[in-house]
Amino acid sequence: MFPACSGQTKSGSTGDRVMDSQGSLMVVGEERLIDGGGEEKLIDGGREGRLVEEGGEGRLVDGGGGGYLMEVGRGGLLKEVWRKGSLMEVGSEGSLLEVGREGSLMEVGREGTLMEAGREGSLMEVGREGTLMEAGREGSLIEVGREGSLMDVGSEGSLLEVGREGSLMELGREEGSLMEVGSEGSLLEVGREGSLMEMGREGSLMEVVSEGSLLDLGTEGSLIEVGWEGLLMEVGSKGSLLEVGREGSLMEVGSEGSLLE
């Protein structure tokens, strides 16, 4: 990577001045800056290089024009990918993730989760009381709460509402089906659009063939796949797995920590 140069400090007069969390003043320019003193290590490889600061509180990495910025500290984790504009921040109170090119915004906090996958305008919010999900191109709205579930699949006008006592489902414009089933569950299959929906005491399975959507909501977790946009999300008792296909984002927030790729 860069040669070790312990105890040496060089500064370029044309660089940017940066103050880190430890109070060290860094000059980031075209010249390489290496400071190996104390418990911190600062490396600046120049215009195309990277800046690394490792101390008692965290680590800072800056890859320059096409690179990234990462700061891992006792309070949280900050990652920014410049070329794509991604911003990710994971702290003790929650997590904020933004993938810039497609405008995805994801916020995971102590009280819940807010996720927006930008190009098609998906909005997903998973909180202590329930789940709100909207997949934009077809206008799908899915809300799963402690008292029930509201699902609206836009192009065919489907409306599904599942409560503690039963289920109301309307598969509207093309098939016009209306079904209300009680506490045991419901099974709905509509051939023309290829929809398969099964809601029981243990969970919910929904598959819409023409749009490639597969949704499985069970007592142990939730699996949601929207084929056209390649969005895969799983929220379980142990953590969350989210994958946005076109941009290749993989995010997992579990009880033990966070994994972001």
C-alpha atoms as a PDB file:
ATOM      1  CA  MET A   1       0.000   0.000   0.000  1.00  0.00           C
ATOM      2  CA  PHE A   2       2.104   2.870   1.330  1.00  0.00           C
ATOM      3  CA  PRO A   3       5.531   2.596   2.947  1.00  0.00           C
ATOM      4  CA  ALA A   4       5.654   2.761   6.713  1.00  0.00           C
ATOM      5  CA  CYS A   5       7.203   5.985   7.928  1.00  0.00           C
ATOM      6  CA  SER A   6       6.836   6.029  11.696  1.00  0.00           C
ATOM      7  CA  GLY A   7       7.203   9.309  13.515  1.00  0.00           C
ATOM      8  CA  GLN A   8       7.500  11.435  10.376  1.00  0.00           C
ATOM      9  CA  THR A   9       5.198  14.288   9.426  1.00  0.00           C
ATOM     10  CA  LYS A  10       5.084  16.080   6.092  1.00  0.00           C
ATOM     11  CA  SER A  11       2.560  18.625   4.939  1.00  0.00           C
ATOM     12  CA  GLY A  12       1.755  20.032   1.527  1.00  0.00           C
ATOM     13  CA  SER A  13       0.883  23.695   1.332  1.00  0.00           C
ATOM     14  CA  THR A  14      -1.705  23.173  -1.406  1.00  0.00           C
ATOM     15  CA  GLY A  15      -3.792  20.593   0.444  1.00  0.00           C
ATOM     16  CA  ASP A  16      -7.029  20.706   2.359  1.00  0.00           C
ATOM     17  CA  ARG A  17      -6.891  21.108   6.137  1.00  0.00           C
ATOM     18  CA  VAL A  18      -8.783  18.415   8.026  1.00  0.00           C
ATOM     19  CA  MET A  19      -9.323  18.163  11.780  1.00  0.00           C
ATOM     20  CA  ASP A  20      -9.898  14.636  13.047  1.00  0.00           C
ATOM     21  CA  SER A  21     -11.727  13.500  16.192  1.00  0.00           C
ATOM     22  CA  GLN A  22      -8.485  13.341  18.150  1.00  0.00           C
ATOM     23  CA  GLY A  23      -7.619  16.989  17.426  1.00  0.00           C
ATOM     24  CA  SER A  24      -4.800  16.239  14.967  1.00  0.00           C
ATOM     25  CA  LEU A  25      -4.459  18.704  12.101  1.00  0.00           C
ATOM     26  CA  MET A  26      -3.964  17.017   8.746  1.00  0.00           C
ATOM     27  CA  VAL A  27      -3.033  18.621   5.442  1.00  0.00           C
ATOM     28  CA  VAL A  28      -4.320  16.545   2.544  1.00  0.00           C
ATOM     29  CA  GLY A  29      -2.712  17.453  -0.765  1.00  0.00           C
ATOM     30  CA  GLU A  30      -0.923  15.925  -3.694  1.00  0.00           C
ATOM     31  CA  GLU A  31       2.031  15.002  -1.492  1.00  0.00           C
ATOM     32  CA  ARG A  32       1.963  11.951   0.720  1.00  0.00           C
ATOM     33  CA  LEU A  33       1.457  12.677   4.423  1.00  0.00           C
ATOM     34  CA  ILE A  34       2.447  10.056   6.992  1.00  0.00           C
ATOM     35  CA  ASP A  35       2.242  10.547  10.745  1.00  0.00           C
ATOM     36  CA  GLY A  36       2.988   7.437  12.777  1.00  0.00           C
ATOM     37  CA  GLY A  37       3.330   9.014  16.187  1.00  0.00           C
ATOM     38  CA  GLY A  38       1.410   8.051  19.277  1.00  0.00           C
ATOM     39  CA  GLU A  39      -1.519   5.666  18.887  1.00  0.00           C
ATOM     40  CA  GLU A  40      -2.642   7.120  15.574  1.00  0.00           C
ATOM     41  CA  LYS A  41      -1.553   6.451  12.031  1.00  0.00           C
ATOM     42  CA  LEU A  42      -2.268   8.939   9.269  1.00  0.00           C
ATOM     43  CA  ILE A  43      -1.560   8.171   5.635  1.00  0.00           C
ATOM     44  CA  ASP A  44      -2.468  10.390   2.690  1.00  0.00           C
ATOM     45  CA  GLY A  45      -1.554   8.968  -0.700  1.00  0.00           C
ATOM     46  CA  GLY A  46      -2.417  12.099  -2.614  1.00  0.00           C
ATOM     47  CA  ARG A  47      -4.964  12.859  -5.259  1.00  0.00           C
ATOM     48  CA  GLU A  48      -5.610   9.199  -6.058  1.00  0.00           C
ATOM     49  CA  GLY A  49      -4.471   7.738  -2.762  1.00  0.00           C
ATOM     50  CA  ARG A  50      -6.097   7.241   0.571  1.00  0.00           C
ATOM     51  CA  LEU A  51      -6.105   8.693   4.063  1.00  0.00           C
ATOM     52  CA  VAL A  52      -6.022   6.310   7.012  1.00  0.00           C
ATOM     53  CA  GLU A  53      -6.281   7.344  10.653  1.00  0.00           C
ATOM     54  CA  GLU A  54      -6.281   4.597  13.273  1.00  0.00           C
ATOM     55  CA  GLY A  55      -6.554   5.596  16.877  1.00  0.00           C
ATOM     56  CA  GLY A  56      -8.284   4.649  20.071  1.00  0.00           C
ATOM     57  CA  GLU A  57     -11.614   5.871  18.738  1.00  0.00           C
ATOM     58  CA  GLY A  58     -11.725   4.806  15.115  1.00  0.00           C
ATOM     59  CA  ARG A  59     -10.379   4.570  11.579  1.00  0.00           C
ATOM     60  CA  LEU A  60     -10.642   6.966   8.647  1.00  0.00           C
ATOM     61  CA  VAL A  61     -10.069   5.898   5.056  1.00  0.00           C
ATOM     62  CA  ASP A  62     -10.346   8.235   2.059  1.00  0.00           C
ATOM     63  CA  GLY A  63      -9.698   6.847  -1.408  1.00  0.00           C
ATOM     64  CA  GLY A  64      -9.720  10.139  -3.273  1.00  0.00           C
ATOM     65  CA  GLY A  65     -11.657  10.958  -6.427  1.00  0.00           C
ATOM     66  CA  GLY A  66     -12.910   7.442  -7.065  1.00  0.00           C
ATOM     67  CA  GLY A  67     -12.553   6.101  -3.559  1.00  0.00           C
ATOM     68  CA  TYR A  68     -14.383   6.119  -0.296  1.00  0.00           C
ATOM     69  CA  LEU A  69     -14.442   7.517   3.216  1.00  0.00           C
ATOM     70  CA  MET A  70     -14.842   5.283   6.257  1.00  0.00           C
ATOM     71  CA  GLU A  71     -14.842   6.291   9.902  1.00  0.00           C
ATOM     72  CA  VAL A  72     -15.291   3.593  12.525  1.00  0.00           C
ATOM     73  CA  GLY A  73     -15.476   4.894  16.050  1.00  0.00           C
ATOM     74  CA  ARG A  74     -16.840   4.031  19.422  1.00  0.00           C
ATOM     75  CA  GLY A  75     -20.007   5.930  18.540  1.00  0.00           C
ATOM     76  CA  GLY A  76     -20.640   4.427  15.129  1.00  0.00           C
ATOM     77  CA  LEU A  77     -19.553   3.785  11.565  1.00  0.00           C
ATOM     78  CA  LEU A  78     -19.466   6.228   8.638  1.00  0.00           C
ATOM     79  CA  LYS A  79     -18.886   5.126   5.053  1.00  0.00           C
ATOM     80  CA  GLU A  80     -19.129   7.298   1.972  1.00  0.00           C
ATOM     81  CA  VAL A  81     -18.402   6.098  -1.548  1.00  0.00           C
ATOM     82  CA  TRP A  82     -17.719   9.177  -3.634  1.00  0.00           C
ATOM     83  CA  ARG A  83     -18.279   7.913  -7.140  1.00  0.00           C
ATOM     84  CA  LYS A  84     -21.665   6.455  -6.270  1.00  0.00           C
ATOM     85  CA  GLY A  85     -22.427   8.944  -3.523  1.00  0.00           C
ATOM     86  CA  SER A  86     -23.146   6.280  -0.929  1.00  0.00           C
ATOM     87  CA  LEU A  87     -23.392   7.417   2.681  1.00  0.00           C
ATOM     88  CA  MET A  88     -23.640   4.910   5.521  1.00  0.00           C
ATOM     89  CA  GLU A  89     -23.629   5.728   9.208  1.00  0.00           C
ATOM     90  CA  VAL A  90     -24.147   3.139  11.930  1.00  0.00           C
ATOM     91  CA  GLY A  91     -24.221   4.393  15.483  1.00  0.00           C
ATOM     92  CA  SER A  92     -25.301   3.298  18.910  1.00  0.00           C
ATOM     93  CA  GLU A  93     -28.737   4.814  18.309  1.00  0.00           C
ATOM     94  CA  GLY A  94     -29.236   3.532  14.767  1.00  0.00           C
ATOM     95  CA  SER A  95     -28.019   3.338  11.205  1.00  0.00           C
ATOM     96  CA  LEU A  96     -28.325   5.673   8.208  1.00  0.00           C
ATOM     97  CA  LEU A  97     -27.492   4.284   4.779  1.00  0.00           C
ATOM     98  CA  GLU A  98     -27.802   6.189   1.518  1.00  0.00           C
ATOM     99  CA  VAL A  99     -26.750   4.794  -1.865  1.00  0.00           C
ATOM    100  CA  GLY A 100     -26.406   7.832  -4.049  1.00  0.00           C
ATOM    101  CA  ARG A 101     -26.702   6.865  -7.679  1.00  0.00           C
ATOM    102  CA  GLU A 102     -30.139   5.353  -7.258  1.00  0.00           C
ATOM    103  CA  GLY A 103     -30.996   7.513  -4.265  1.00  0.00           C
ATOM    104  CA  SER A 104     -31.527   4.709  -1.764  1.00  0.00           C
ATOM    105  CA  LEU A 105     -32.019   5.867   1.819  1.00  0.00           C
ATOM    106  CA  MET A 106     -32.041   3.415   4.703  1.00  0.00           C
ATOM    107  CA  GLU A 107     -32.215   4.315   8.360  1.00  0.00           C
ATOM    108  CA  VAL A 108     -32.149   1.650  11.046  1.00  0.00           C
ATOM    109  CA  GLY A 109     -32.720   2.946  14.535  1.00  0.00           C
ATOM    110  CA  ARG A 110     -33.582   1.716  17.956  1.00  0.00           C
ATOM    111  CA  GLU A 111     -37.270   2.280  17.249  1.00  0.00           C
ATOM    112  CA  GLY A 112     -37.400   1.044  13.661  1.00  0.00           C
ATOM    113  CA  THR A 113     -36.120   1.126  10.110  1.00  0.00           C
ATOM    114  CA  LEU A 114     -36.682   3.533   7.221  1.00  0.00           C
ATOM    115  CA  MET A 115     -35.602   2.366   3.786  1.00  0.00           C
ATOM    116  CA  GLU A 116     -36.054   4.032   0.412  1.00  0.00           C
ATOM    117  CA  ALA A 117     -34.727   2.538  -2.834  1.00  0.00           C
ATOM    118  CA  GLY A 118     -34.585   5.584  -4.986  1.00  0.00           C
ATOM    119  CA  ARG A 119     -34.955   4.986  -8.701  1.00  0.00           C
ATOM    120  CA  GLU A 120     -38.406   3.492  -8.358  1.00  0.00           C
ATOM    121  CA  GLY A 121     -39.176   5.288  -5.121  1.00  0.00           C
ATOM    122  CA  SER A 122     -39.456   2.314  -2.772  1.00  0.00           C
ATOM    123  CA  LEU A 123     -40.140   3.252   0.839  1.00  0.00           C
ATOM    124  CA  MET A 124     -39.817   0.707   3.625  1.00  0.00           C
ATOM    125  CA  GLU A 125     -40.191   1.375   7.316  1.00  0.00           C
ATOM    126  CA  VAL A 126     -39.837  -1.393   9.871  1.00  0.00           C
ATOM    127  CA  GLY A 127     -40.584  -0.320  13.394  1.00  0.00           C
ATOM    128  CA  ARG A 128     -41.482  -1.695  16.743  1.00  0.00           C
ATOM    129  CA  GLU A 129     -45.153  -1.495  15.839  1.00  0.00           C
ATOM    130  CA  GLY A 130     -44.981  -2.794  12.273  1.00  0.00           C
ATOM    131  CA  THR A 131     -43.672  -2.551   8.742  1.00  0.00           C
ATOM    132  CA  LEU A 132     -44.370  -0.083   5.929  1.00  0.00           C
ATOM    133  CA  MET A 133     -43.110  -0.945   2.457  1.00  0.00           C
ATOM    134  CA  GLU A 134     -43.754   0.752  -0.876  1.00  0.00           C
ATOM    135  CA  ALA A 135     -42.277  -0.517  -4.151  1.00  0.00           C
ATOM    136  CA  GLY A 136     -42.490   2.447  -6.430  1.00  0.00           C
ATOM    137  CA  ARG A 137     -42.890   1.550 -10.101  1.00  0.00           C
ATOM    138  CA  GLU A 138     -46.157  -0.305  -9.544  1.00  0.00           C
ATOM    139  CA  GLY A 139     -47.065   1.627  -6.418  1.00  0.00           C
ATOM    140  CA  SER A 140     -47.070  -1.308  -3.998  1.00  0.00           C
ATOM    141  CA  LEU A 141     -47.797  -0.423  -0.381  1.00  0.00           C
ATOM    142  CA  ILE A 142     -47.276  -3.011   2.351  1.00  0.00           C
ATOM    143  CA  GLU A 143     -47.824  -2.258   6.024  1.00  0.00           C
ATOM    144  CA  VAL A 144     -47.567  -5.059   8.574  1.00  0.00           C
ATOM    145  CA  GLY A 145     -48.325  -4.008  12.101  1.00  0.00           C
ATOM    146  CA  ARG A 146     -49.122  -5.500  15.440  1.00  0.00           C
ATOM    147  CA  GLU A 147     -52.823  -5.277  14.651  1.00  0.00           C
ATOM    148  CA  GLY A 148     -52.771  -6.187  10.966  1.00  0.00           C
ATOM    149  CA  SER A 149     -51.392  -5.782   7.479  1.00  0.00           C
ATOM    150  CA  LEU A 150     -52.251  -3.445   4.583  1.00  0.00           C
ATOM    151  CA  MET A 151     -50.952  -4.300   1.130  1.00  0.00           C
ATOM    152  CA  ASP A 152     -51.680  -2.450  -2.105  1.00  0.00           C
ATOM    153  CA  VAL A 153     -50.202  -3.703  -5.387  1.00  0.00           C
ATOM    154  CA  GLY A 154     -50.669  -0.858  -7.797  1.00  0.00           C
ATOM    155  CA  SER A 155     -50.948  -1.900 -11.439  1.00  0.00           C
ATOM    156  CA  GLU A 156     -53.793  -4.342 -10.804  1.00  0.00           C
ATOM    157  CA  GLY A 157     -55.251  -2.412  -7.887  1.00  0.00           C
ATOM    158  CA  SER A 158     -54.873  -5.204  -5.330  1.00  0.00           C
ATOM    159  CA  LEU A 159     -55.709  -4.311  -1.739  1.00  0.00           C
ATOM    160  CA  LEU A 160     -54.974  -6.692   1.131  1.00  0.00           C
ATOM    161  CA  GLU A 161     -55.738  -5.978   4.768  1.00  0.00           C
ATOM    162  CA  VAL A 162     -55.000  -8.622   7.376  1.00  0.00           C
ATOM    163  CA  GLY A 163     -56.008  -8.041  10.957  1.00  0.00           C
ATOM    164  CA  ARG A 164     -55.957  -9.921  14.199  1.00  0.00           C
ATOM    165  CA  GLU A 165     -59.354 -11.469  13.472  1.00  0.00           C
ATOM    166  CA  GLY A 166     -59.207 -11.967   9.724  1.00  0.00           C
ATOM    167  CA  SER A 167     -58.123 -10.984   6.246  1.00  0.00           C
ATOM    168  CA  LEU A 168     -59.641  -8.769   3.549  1.00  0.00           C
ATOM    169  CA  MET A 169     -58.202  -9.198   0.067  1.00  0.00           C
ATOM    170  CA  GLU A 170     -59.224  -7.573  -3.198  1.00  0.00           C
ATOM    171  CA  LEU A 171     -57.506  -8.535  -6.441  1.00  0.00           C
ATOM    172  CA  GLY A 172     -59.132  -5.818  -8.339  1.00  0.00           C
ATOM    173  CA  ARG A 173     -58.986  -4.448 -11.837  1.00  0.00           C
ATOM    174  CA  GLU A 174     -58.508  -7.642 -13.837  1.00  0.00           C
ATOM    175  CA  GLU A 175     -60.052 -10.341 -11.638  1.00  0.00           C
ATOM    176  CA  GLY A 176     -62.199  -8.376  -9.190  1.00  0.00           C
ATOM    177  CA  SER A 177     -61.818 -10.984  -6.446  1.00  0.00           C
ATOM    178  CA  LEU A 178     -62.887 -10.028  -2.916  1.00  0.00           C
ATOM    179  CA  MET A 179     -62.203 -12.465  -0.089  1.00  0.00           C
ATOM    180  CA  GLU A 180     -62.491 -12.155   3.676  1.00  0.00           C
ATOM    181  CA  VAL A 181     -61.113 -15.015   5.740  1.00  0.00           C
ATOM    182  CA  GLY A 182     -60.888 -15.474   9.482  1.00  0.00           C
ATOM    183  CA  SER A 183     -58.341 -16.333  12.106  1.00  0.00           C
ATOM    184  CA  GLU A 184     -57.118 -19.552  10.475  1.00  0.00           C
ATOM    185  CA  GLY A 185     -55.861 -18.025   7.228  1.00  0.00           C
ATOM    186  CA  SER A 186     -56.638 -17.703   3.539  1.00  0.00           C
ATOM    187  CA  LEU A 187     -55.446 -19.116   0.215  1.00  0.00           C
ATOM    188  CA  LEU A 188     -55.944 -17.097  -2.970  1.00  0.00           C
ATOM    189  CA  GLU A 189     -54.787 -17.961  -6.463  1.00  0.00           C
ATOM    190  CA  VAL A 190     -55.700 -15.842  -9.476  1.00  0.00           C
ATOM    191  CA  GLY A 191     -54.649 -17.467 -12.734  1.00  0.00           C
ATOM    192  CA  ARG A 192     -54.601 -14.611 -15.215  1.00  0.00           C
ATOM    193  CA  GLU A 193     -52.093 -12.563 -13.268  1.00  0.00           C
ATOM    194  CA  GLY A 194     -50.431 -15.592 -11.661  1.00  0.00           C
ATOM    195  CA  SER A 195     -50.919 -14.322  -8.123  1.00  0.00           C
ATOM    196  CA  LEU A 196     -50.544 -16.877  -5.322  1.00  0.00           C
ATOM    197  CA  MET A 197     -51.275 -15.704  -1.784  1.00  0.00           C
ATOM    198  CA  GLU A 198     -51.428 -17.859   1.321  1.00  0.00           C
ATOM    199  CA  MET A 199     -51.974 -16.281   4.724  1.00  0.00           C
ATOM    200  CA  GLY A 200     -52.132 -18.470   7.781  1.00  0.00           C
ATOM    201  CA  ARG A 201     -51.517 -18.361  11.471  1.00  0.00           C
ATOM    202  CA  GLU A 202     -47.792 -18.932  10.906  1.00  0.00           C
ATOM    203  CA  GLY A 203     -47.228 -16.415   8.147  1.00  0.00           C
ATOM    204  CA  SER A 204     -47.982 -15.138   4.674  1.00  0.00           C
ATOM    205  CA  LEU A 205     -46.819 -16.222   1.218  1.00  0.00           C
ATOM    206  CA  MET A 206     -47.471 -14.017  -1.801  1.00  0.00           C
ATOM    207  CA  GLU A 207     -46.205 -14.474  -5.331  1.00  0.00           C
ATOM    208  CA  VAL A 208     -47.108 -12.245  -8.269  1.00  0.00           C
ATOM    209  CA  VAL A 209     -45.681 -13.932 -11.345  1.00  0.00           C
ATOM    210  CA  SER A 210     -46.054 -11.169 -13.912  1.00  0.00           C
ATOM    211  CA  GLU A 211     -44.128  -8.721 -11.747  1.00  0.00           C
ATOM    212  CA  GLY A 212     -41.802 -11.322 -10.212  1.00  0.00           C
ATOM    213  CA  SER A 213     -42.659 -10.382  -6.631  1.00  0.00           C
ATOM    214  CA  LEU A 214     -42.305 -12.967  -3.858  1.00  0.00           C
ATOM    215  CA  LEU A 215     -43.268 -12.026  -0.307  1.00  0.00           C
ATOM    216  CA  ASP A 216     -43.132 -14.365   2.692  1.00  0.00           C
ATOM    217  CA  LEU A 217     -44.071 -12.901   6.061  1.00  0.00           C
ATOM    218  CA  GLY A 218     -43.832 -15.390   8.915  1.00  0.00           C
ATOM    219  CA  THR A 219     -43.573 -15.409  12.660  1.00  0.00           C
ATOM    220  CA  GLU A 220     -39.795 -15.665  12.472  1.00  0.00           C
ATOM    221  CA  GLY A 221     -39.172 -13.109   9.751  1.00  0.00           C
ATOM    222  CA  SER A 222     -40.059 -11.521   6.452  1.00  0.00           C
ATOM    223  CA  LEU A 223     -38.801 -12.276   2.938  1.00  0.00           C
ATOM    224  CA  ILE A 224     -39.644  -9.789   0.201  1.00  0.00           C
ATOM    225  CA  GLU A 225     -38.363 -10.057  -3.348  1.00  0.00           C
ATOM    226  CA  VAL A 226     -39.366  -7.696  -6.151  1.00  0.00           C
ATOM    227  CA  GLY A 227     -38.062  -9.257  -9.342  1.00  0.00           C
ATOM    228  CA  TRP A 228     -38.049  -6.360 -11.761  1.00  0.00           C
ATOM    229  CA  GLU A 229     -35.804  -4.229  -9.624  1.00  0.00           C
ATOM    230  CA  GLY A 230     -33.990  -7.159  -8.004  1.00  0.00           C
ATOM    231  CA  LEU A 231     -34.815  -6.133  -4.444  1.00  0.00           C
ATOM    232  CA  LEU A 232     -34.469  -8.811  -1.758  1.00  0.00           C
ATOM    233  CA  MET A 233     -35.217  -8.020   1.865  1.00  0.00           C
ATOM    234  CA  GLU A 234     -35.454 -10.321   4.849  1.00  0.00           C
ATOM    235  CA  VAL A 235     -36.302  -9.095   8.324  1.00  0.00           C
ATOM    236  CA  GLY A 236     -36.093 -11.769  10.993  1.00  0.00           C
ATOM    237  CA  SER A 237     -35.970 -12.102  14.733  1.00  0.00           C
ATOM    238  CA  LYS A 238     -32.164 -12.118  14.598  1.00  0.00           C
ATOM    239  CA  GLY A 239     -31.592  -9.392  12.027  1.00  0.00           C
ATOM    240  CA  SER A 240     -32.249  -7.948   8.612  1.00  0.00           C
ATOM    241  CA  LEU A 241     -30.844  -8.810   5.181  1.00  0.00           C
ATOM    242  CA  LEU A 242     -31.391  -6.347   2.343  1.00  0.00           C
ATOM    243  CA  GLU A 243     -30.096  -6.645  -1.190  1.00  0.00           C
ATOM    244  CA  VAL A 244     -30.747  -4.143  -3.977  1.00  0.00           C
ATOM    245  CA  GLY A 245     -29.823  -5.961  -7.152  1.00  0.00           C
ATOM    246  CA  ARG A 246     -29.057  -3.383  -9.795  1.00  0.00           C
ATOM    247  CA  GLU A 247     -26.599  -1.493  -7.618  1.00  0.00           C
ATOM    248  CA  GLY A 248     -25.414  -4.593  -5.752  1.00  0.00           C
ATOM    249  CA  SER A 249     -26.051  -3.239  -2.264  1.00  0.00           C
ATOM    250  CA  LEU A 250     -26.042  -5.828   0.524  1.00  0.00           C
ATOM    251  CA  MET A 251     -26.928  -4.708   4.020  1.00  0.00           C
ATOM    252  CA  GLU A 252     -27.435  -6.840   7.098  1.00  0.00           C
ATOM    253  CA  VAL A 253     -28.319  -5.471  10.508  1.00  0.00           C
ATOM    254  CA  GLY A 254     -28.341  -8.133  13.201  1.00  0.00           C
ATOM    255  CA  SER A 255     -28.569  -8.371  16.943  1.00  0.00           C
ATOM    256  CA  GLU A 256     -24.786  -8.538  17.208  1.00  0.00           C
ATOM    257  CA  GLY A 257     -23.837  -5.846  14.708  1.00  0.00           C
ATOM    258  CA  SER A 258     -24.088  -4.498  11.195  1.00  0.00           C
ATOM    259  CA  LEU A 259     -22.718  -5.696   7.858  1.00  0.00           C
ATOM    260  CA  LEU A 260     -22.798  -3.279   4.931  1.00  0.00           C
ATOM    261  CA  GLU A 261     -21.474  -3.975   1.448  1.00  0.00           C
END
